[in-house]
Protein backbone atom coordinates (compact mmCIF):
# COMPACT_ATOMS: atom_id res chain seq x y z
CA MET A 1 0.00 0.00 0.00
CA ILE A 2 2.84 2.38 0.90
CA LYS A 3 4.63 1.54 -2.34
CA ASN A 4 1.53 2.23 -4.42
CA SER A 5 0.73 5.44 -2.55
CA SER A 6 4.26 6.77 -3.06
CA LYS A 7 4.07 5.98 -6.76
CA MET A 8 0.71 7.76 -6.93
CA LEU A 9 2.27 10.80 -5.23
CA PHE A 10 5.07 11.02 -7.80
CA MET A 11 2.63 10.53 -10.68
CA ILE A 12 0.51 13.42 -9.36
CA MET A 13 3.67 15.55 -9.07
CA LEU A 14 4.48 14.63 -12.67
CA LEU A 15 1.03 15.77 -13.78
CA ILE A 16 1.12 19.00 -11.75
CA SER A 17 4.63 19.93 -12.93
CA THR A 18 3.59 19.62 -16.57
CA LEU A 19 0.48 21.72 -15.92
CA ILE A 20 2.70 24.37 -14.26
CA VAL A 21 4.82 24.61 -17.41
CA ILE A 22 1.78 24.77 -19.71
CA SER A 23 0.00 27.45 -17.66
CA SER A 24 3.04 29.62 -16.80
CA ASN A 25 3.48 33.09 -18.24
CA ASN A 26 7.10 33.66 -17.17
CA TRP A 27 10.33 31.77 -17.69
CA LEU A 28 11.22 31.08 -14.05
CA SER A 29 7.90 29.32 -13.47
CA MET A 30 8.50 27.18 -16.54
CA TRP A 31 11.98 26.28 -15.31
CA MET A 32 10.56 25.45 -11.88
CA GLY A 33 7.94 23.19 -13.47
CA LEU A 34 10.64 21.31 -15.37
CA GLU A 35 12.64 20.80 -12.16
CA ILE A 36 9.61 19.46 -10.28
CA ASN A 37 9.00 17.17 -13.23
CA LEU A 38 12.57 15.85 -12.98
CA MET A 39 12.32 15.31 -9.22
CA ALA A 40 9.07 13.37 -9.71
CA PHE A 41 10.30 11.20 -12.60
CA ILE A 42 13.56 10.06 -10.96
CA PRO A 43 11.82 8.09 -8.13
CA ILE A 44 9.51 6.48 -10.71
CA LEU A 45 12.60 5.29 -12.62
CA PHE A 46 14.18 4.04 -9.39
CA LYS A 47 11.20 1.84 -8.54
CA ASN A 48 12.85 -1.47 -9.50
CA LYS A 49 15.92 -0.86 -7.29
CA ASN A 50 18.39 -2.83 -9.41
CA ASN A 51 21.73 -1.87 -10.95
CA PHE A 52 20.20 -1.07 -14.33
CA SER A 53 17.58 1.15 -12.71
CA SER A 54 20.21 3.02 -10.68
CA GLU A 55 22.37 3.54 -13.75
CA SER A 56 19.47 4.84 -15.86
CA CYS A 57 18.44 7.19 -13.03
CA MET A 58 21.94 8.64 -12.76
CA MET A 59 22.32 9.07 -16.53
CA TYR A 60 18.89 10.68 -16.84
CA PHE A 61 19.56 13.00 -13.89
CA LEU A 62 22.92 14.18 -15.27
CA VAL A 63 21.55 14.86 -18.76
CA GLN A 64 18.49 16.70 -17.46
CA THR A 65 20.63 18.70 -15.02
CA MET A 66 22.88 19.81 -17.87
CA GLY A 67 19.84 20.93 -19.84
CA SER A 68 18.43 22.75 -16.81
CA ILE A 69 21.72 24.62 -16.25
CA VAL A 70 21.76 25.87 -19.85
CA LEU A 71 18.08 26.82 -19.60
CA LEU A 72 18.59 28.75 -16.34
CA MET A 73 21.63 30.55 -17.77
CA SER A 74 19.60 31.63 -20.79
CA ILE A 75 16.83 32.94 -18.52
CA LEU A 76 19.27 34.88 -16.32
CA LEU A 77 20.91 36.46 -19.37
CA CYS A 78 17.60 38.00 -20.35
CA PRO A 79 17.02 41.39 -18.65
CA MET A 80 13.24 40.88 -18.55
CA ILE A 81 12.87 37.35 -17.15
CA MET A 82 9.51 38.08 -15.56
CA MET A 83 8.01 39.35 -18.79
CA SER A 84 6.02 37.51 -21.42
CA PRO A 85 7.70 34.63 -23.30
CA ILE A 86 7.43 36.76 -26.44
CA MET A 87 9.90 39.33 -25.06
CA ILE A 88 13.18 37.47 -25.59
CA ASN A 89 16.31 38.03 -27.65
CA ASP A 90 18.12 35.86 -30.19
CA THR A 91 20.83 34.67 -27.78
CA MET A 92 18.24 33.49 -25.30
CA ILE A 93 16.30 31.71 -28.05
CA ALA A 94 19.43 29.83 -29.17
CA MET A 95 20.42 28.80 -25.63
CA MET A 96 16.89 27.78 -24.67
CA THR A 97 16.49 25.76 -27.85
CA ILE A 98 19.74 23.89 -27.13
CA SER A 99 18.72 23.22 -23.52
CA LEU A 100 15.33 21.85 -24.57
CA MET A 101 16.94 19.73 -27.28
CA ILE A 102 19.21 18.23 -24.60
CA LYS A 103 16.23 17.52 -22.35
CA MET A 104 14.17 15.85 -25.09
CA GLY A 105 17.04 13.99 -26.73
CA ILE A 106 16.79 15.79 -30.06
CA SER A 107 19.71 15.14 -32.42
CA PRO A 108 22.63 15.92 -32.10
CA PHE A 109 22.00 15.51 -28.34
CA HIS A 110 20.25 12.15 -28.71
CA MET A 111 22.83 9.51 -27.77
CA TRP A 112 21.64 9.18 -24.17
CA VAL A 113 18.05 8.27 -25.09
CA PRO A 114 18.56 4.67 -26.37
CA GLU A 115 21.02 3.84 -23.59
CA ILE A 116 18.62 4.96 -20.86
CA MET A 117 15.50 3.43 -22.40
CA GLU A 118 17.30 0.09 -22.74
CA LYS A 119 17.48 -0.04 -18.93
CA MET A 120 13.85 1.02 -18.30
CA SER A 121 10.62 -0.90 -17.93
CA TRP A 122 8.00 -0.52 -20.67
CA ASN A 123 5.85 1.69 -18.45
CA ASN A 124 8.72 4.10 -17.89
CA CYS A 125 9.60 4.02 -21.60
CA LEU A 126 6.01 5.02 -22.34
CA LEU A 127 6.18 7.95 -19.92
CA MET A 128 9.50 9.13 -21.32
CA THR A 129 8.44 9.01 -24.98
CA THR A 130 5.04 10.65 -24.47
CA TRP A 131 4.32 12.61 -21.28
CA GLN A 132 7.88 13.80 -20.71
CA LYS A 133 7.89 15.53 -24.10
CA ILE A 134 4.87 17.73 -23.38
CA ALA A 135 6.52 20.29 -21.04
CA PRO A 136 9.69 20.91 -23.13
CA MET A 137 7.64 21.00 -26.35
CA THR A 138 5.33 23.60 -24.80
CA ILE A 139 8.29 25.85 -23.97
CA LEU A 140 9.79 25.27 -27.41
CA SER A 141 6.51 26.26 -29.06
CA ASN A 142 6.76 29.66 -27.31
CA ILE A 143 10.21 30.47 -28.69
CA ILE A 144 10.39 28.68 -32.01
CA SER A 145 10.29 30.83 -35.12
CA ILE A 146 10.41 30.17 -38.83
CA ASN A 147 14.10 30.05 -39.75
CA SER A 148 16.47 27.81 -41.64
CA LEU A 149 18.63 26.93 -38.61
CA ILE A 150 15.87 24.99 -36.83
CA MET A 151 15.74 22.70 -39.88
CA ILE A 152 19.19 21.33 -38.96
CA PRO A 153 18.07 19.50 -35.77
CA ILE A 154 14.80 18.52 -37.49
CA ILE A 155 16.58 16.79 -40.37
CA LEU A 156 19.29 15.36 -38.09
CA SER A 157 16.66 13.85 -35.78
CA THR A 158 14.73 12.19 -38.59
CA VAL A 159 17.93 10.87 -40.22
CA MET A 160 19.64 9.68 -37.01
CA GLY A 161 16.40 8.20 -35.71
CA ALA A 162 16.15 6.20 -38.94
CA ILE A 163 19.77 5.06 -39.25
CA GLY A 164 20.23 4.34 -35.53
CA GLY A 165 17.45 1.76 -35.40
CA LEU A 166 18.67 -0.34 -38.34
CA ASN A 167 21.15 -2.58 -36.49
CA GLN A 168 19.20 -2.89 -33.24
CA THR A 169 17.63 -6.09 -31.92
CA SER A 170 16.37 -4.57 -28.67
CA MET A 171 12.77 -3.41 -28.92
CA ARG A 172 13.35 -0.63 -26.38
CA LYS A 173 16.27 0.81 -28.37
CA ILE A 174 14.24 0.63 -31.57
CA MET A 175 11.38 2.50 -29.89
CA ALA A 176 13.93 5.04 -28.59
CA TYR A 177 15.21 5.76 -32.10
CA SER A 178 11.61 5.87 -33.30
CA SER A 179 10.92 8.51 -30.64
CA ILE A 180 13.92 10.57 -31.82
CA SER A 181 12.63 10.43 -35.39
CA HIS A 182 9.09 11.43 -34.40
CA SER A 183 10.47 14.29 -32.29
CA GLY A 184 11.99 15.74 -35.45
CA TRP A 185 8.61 15.54 -37.18
CA MET A 186 6.95 17.20 -34.17
CA ILE A 187 9.33 20.16 -34.23
CA ALA A 188 8.85 20.52 -37.99
CA CYS A 189 5.11 20.54 -37.37
CA MET A 190 5.52 23.16 -34.64
CA ASN A 191 7.83 25.34 -36.70
CA TYR A 192 5.23 26.03 -39.37
CA GLU A 193 1.94 25.50 -37.56
CA HIS A 194 2.33 26.19 -33.83
CA LYS A 195 -0.68 24.27 -32.50
CA MET A 196 -0.52 21.27 -34.83
CA TRP A 197 2.17 19.55 -32.74
CA MET A 198 -0.48 18.92 -30.06
CA ILE A 199 -2.48 16.78 -32.51
CA TYR A 200 0.74 15.02 -33.55
CA ILE A 201 1.79 14.15 -30.00
CA LEU A 202 -1.76 13.02 -29.15
CA ILE A 203 -1.85 10.56 -32.07
CA TYR A 204 1.73 9.44 -31.36
CA SER A 205 0.87 8.88 -27.69
CA ILE A 206 -2.17 6.74 -28.57
CA MET A 207 -0.04 4.56 -30.84
CA ASN A 208 2.75 4.28 -28.27
CA ILE A 209 0.31 3.33 -25.50
CA MET A 210 -1.05 0.44 -27.58
CA ILE A 211 2.36 -0.77 -28.78
CA MET A 212 4.18 -0.58 -25.45
CA ASN A 213 1.21 -2.05 -23.60
CA PHE A 214 1.36 -4.97 -26.05
CA PHE A 215 5.10 -5.41 -25.39
CA TYR A 216 4.60 -5.12 -21.63
CA LYS A 217 1.77 -7.67 -21.43
CA ASN A 218 3.67 -10.19 -23.53
CA SER A 219 7.12 -9.49 -21.98
CA ILE A 220 8.73 -8.65 -25.33
CA TYR A 221 12.14 -6.99 -25.10
CA TYR A 222 13.92 -8.35 -28.20
CA ILE A 223 12.85 -8.96 -31.79
CA ASN A 224 13.21 -12.75 -31.65
CA GLN A 225 10.75 -12.94 -28.74
CA THR A 226 7.88 -12.15 -31.12
CA GLN A 227 8.11 -15.72 -32.44
CA ILE A 228 6.11 -17.01 -29.47
CA PHE A 229 2.92 -15.44 -30.90
CA THR A 230 2.85 -17.43 -34.11
CA SER A 231 -0.24 -19.36 -32.94
CA ASN A 232 -2.41 -16.34 -32.13
CA ILE A 233 -4.06 -14.57 -35.07
CA PHE A 234 -5.20 -11.62 -32.92
CA ASN A 235 -1.68 -10.91 -31.71
CA LYS A 236 -0.39 -11.08 -35.27
CA MET A 237 -3.01 -8.68 -36.62
CA ASN A 238 -2.65 -6.23 -33.71
CA TYR A 239 1.12 -6.18 -33.93
CA THR A 240 1.15 -5.78 -37.72
CA ILE A 241 -1.37 -2.92 -37.75
CA MET A 242 0.39 -1.09 -34.92
CA MET A 243 3.79 -1.31 -36.63
CA MET A 244 2.41 -0.15 -39.98
CA SER A 245 0.65 2.75 -38.26
CA LEU A 246 3.81 3.80 -36.44
CA GLY A 247 5.68 3.59 -39.74
CA GLY A 248 3.22 6.02 -41.33
CA LEU A 249 1.68 3.77 -43.96
CA PRO A 250 -1.70 4.91 -45.33
CA PRO A 251 -4.52 4.58 -44.42
CA PHE A 252 -3.37 4.03 -40.83
CA MET A 253 -3.39 6.71 -38.15
CA GLY A 254 0.36 7.32 -38.28
CA PHE A 255 0.03 8.48 -41.88
CA LEU A 256 -2.26 11.34 -40.81
CA MET A 257 0.46 12.79 -38.56
CA LYS A 258 3.12 12.88 -41.25
CA TRP A 259 0.69 14.03 -43.93
CA MET A 260 -0.18 17.10 -41.81
CA VAL A 261 3.52 18.00 -41.54
CA ILE A 262 4.21 17.40 -45.25
CA GLN A 263 1.20 19.47 -46.29
CA THR A 264 2.22 22.36 -44.02
CA MET A 265 5.85 22.34 -45.19
CA MET A 266 4.82 22.19 -48.85
CA MET A 267 2.90 25.42 -48.37
CA SER A 268 6.22 26.99 -47.31
CA ASN A 269 7.99 25.56 -50.41
CA LEU A 270 10.39 23.46 -48.34
CA TYR A 271 10.71 20.66 -50.86
CA MET A 272 14.26 19.48 -50.13
CA PRO A 273 13.73 19.05 -46.34
CA ILE A 274 10.49 17.19 -47.10
CA ILE A 275 12.30 14.79 -49.45
CA ILE A 276 15.02 14.10 -46.84
CA MET A 277 12.44 13.52 -44.10
CA MET A 278 10.36 11.23 -46.32
CA MET A 279 13.43 9.18 -47.26
CA SER A 280 14.29 8.89 -43.56
CA SER A 281 10.73 7.79 -42.89
CA LEU A 282 11.17 5.00 -45.46
CA ILE A 283 14.26 3.80 -43.56
CA THR A 284 12.30 3.72 -40.30
CA LEU A 285 9.57 1.80 -42.10
CA PHE A 286 12.22 -0.78 -43.04
CA TYR A 287 13.04 -1.60 -39.42
CA TYR A 288 9.36 -1.60 -38.47
CA LEU A 289 8.86 -4.21 -41.21
CA ARG A 290 11.86 -6.12 -39.86
CA MET A 291 10.16 -6.15 -36.46
CA MET A 292 7.06 -7.66 -38.10
CA THR A 293 8.68 -10.26 -40.36
CA THR A 294 10.08 -12.24 -37.43
CA MET A 295 6.53 -13.06 -36.41
CA ILE A 296 4.66 -12.92 -39.72
CA MET A 297 6.93 -15.31 -41.64
CA MET A 298 6.51 -18.09 -39.10
CA ASN A 299 3.92 -20.80 -39.70
CA MET A 300 0.56 -19.72 -38.35
CA ASP A 301 -1.89 -22.14 -36.75
CA MET A 302 -5.29 -20.77 -37.73
CA ASN A 303 -7.22 -23.17 -35.51
CA LYS A 304 -6.12 -21.85 -32.14
CA TRP A 305 -8.85 -19.25 -31.64
CA ILE A 306 -9.42 -19.98 -28.00
CA MET A 307 -11.56 -17.28 -26.38
CA ASN A 308 -9.65 -16.69 -23.16
CA GLU A 309 -9.21 -13.41 -21.31
CA GLY A 310 -6.07 -12.56 -23.25
CA ASN A 311 -7.83 -12.93 -26.59
CA LYS A 312 -10.75 -10.79 -25.42
CA SER A 313 -8.40 -7.91 -24.72
CA ASN A 314 -6.68 -8.55 -28.05
CA ILE A 315 -10.03 -8.30 -29.87
CA ILE A 316 -10.73 -4.94 -28.21
CA MET A 317 -7.28 -3.66 -29.20
CA LEU A 318 -7.78 -5.00 -32.73
CA MET A 319 -11.08 -3.13 -33.04
CA MET A 320 -9.33 0.08 -31.93
CA ASN A 321 -6.54 -0.45 -34.45
CA LEU A 322 -9.05 -1.04 -37.26
CA SER A 323 -11.21 1.95 -36.30
CA LEU A 324 -8.35 4.48 -36.09
CA PRO A 325 -7.69 4.39 -39.87
CA MET A 326 -11.28 5.56 -40.39
CA VAL A 327 -10.33 8.85 -38.70
CA THR A 328 -7.56 9.27 -41.27
CA ILE A 329 -9.88 8.51 -44.19
CA PHE A 330 -12.63 10.88 -43.02
CA SER A 331 -10.11 13.68 -42.39
CA PHE A 332 -9.63 14.02 -46.16
CA PHE A 333 -13.34 14.73 -46.79
């Protein structure tokens, strides 16, 4: 009971800290919200109390502290720190952007993300790739402006997120590189349509919840472990649809996210960055397909449709996966 209540306390702190950042109208309050968020997330990471957990906590703490130091320095350099987020100078924008890129693991500051996620549980991986992005992205949306320099981390993130996942066999590392790639798409979305990134992160969070919940329930940590589901048609269909959606194949939900970004960037005549990002997306699709082929290419026993509790939950998840593409289809009418 004590263990559960302490976890609930830290989860509430995590929620409140993000709300502080979202609702703040000055930089110090935003920085304070990020620090509360860090202090709440560290105990959640440390829940397992093993060597891997301790190492991931220390690495995460050091990286986030470095980002916080740069962020605080940029705030203190501004003569009007208590004023509106709009009243900032170019130096502060550059330093704050770098600090937030460090905190979110945006390329070229991305190398810590796969190493830390490899040592986390699936629940913590889910928090880190979804909820923990909201507060820094909110701050970034206040300072980002249309310029060519922001395209450098956007393109680097999509390219490094694609290339980095090619040689991986660990599911958690693959999902980490996937998160880096999607972060680049989110910033591109934010750079040209400030509020659209909220829709992107919402859709991405829904997909991540389903995928990581699937991995957690079935104790999947490496690609070859997917072979144990060759006898269950529901698991095969769920897994296949989720991977294709995350890869951005039409008509699945993941395609809607990337189509919004492509459409917005085309209106700004940014054809070369779009081509690079689309080519990177094809590379990520390759390793999503590699994650599927391990299970799909195995012999499938079509007779084992036993209606147990596990299959009931699989049917519900399958219905969700099949209904989400309808949202994408109707969005074009």
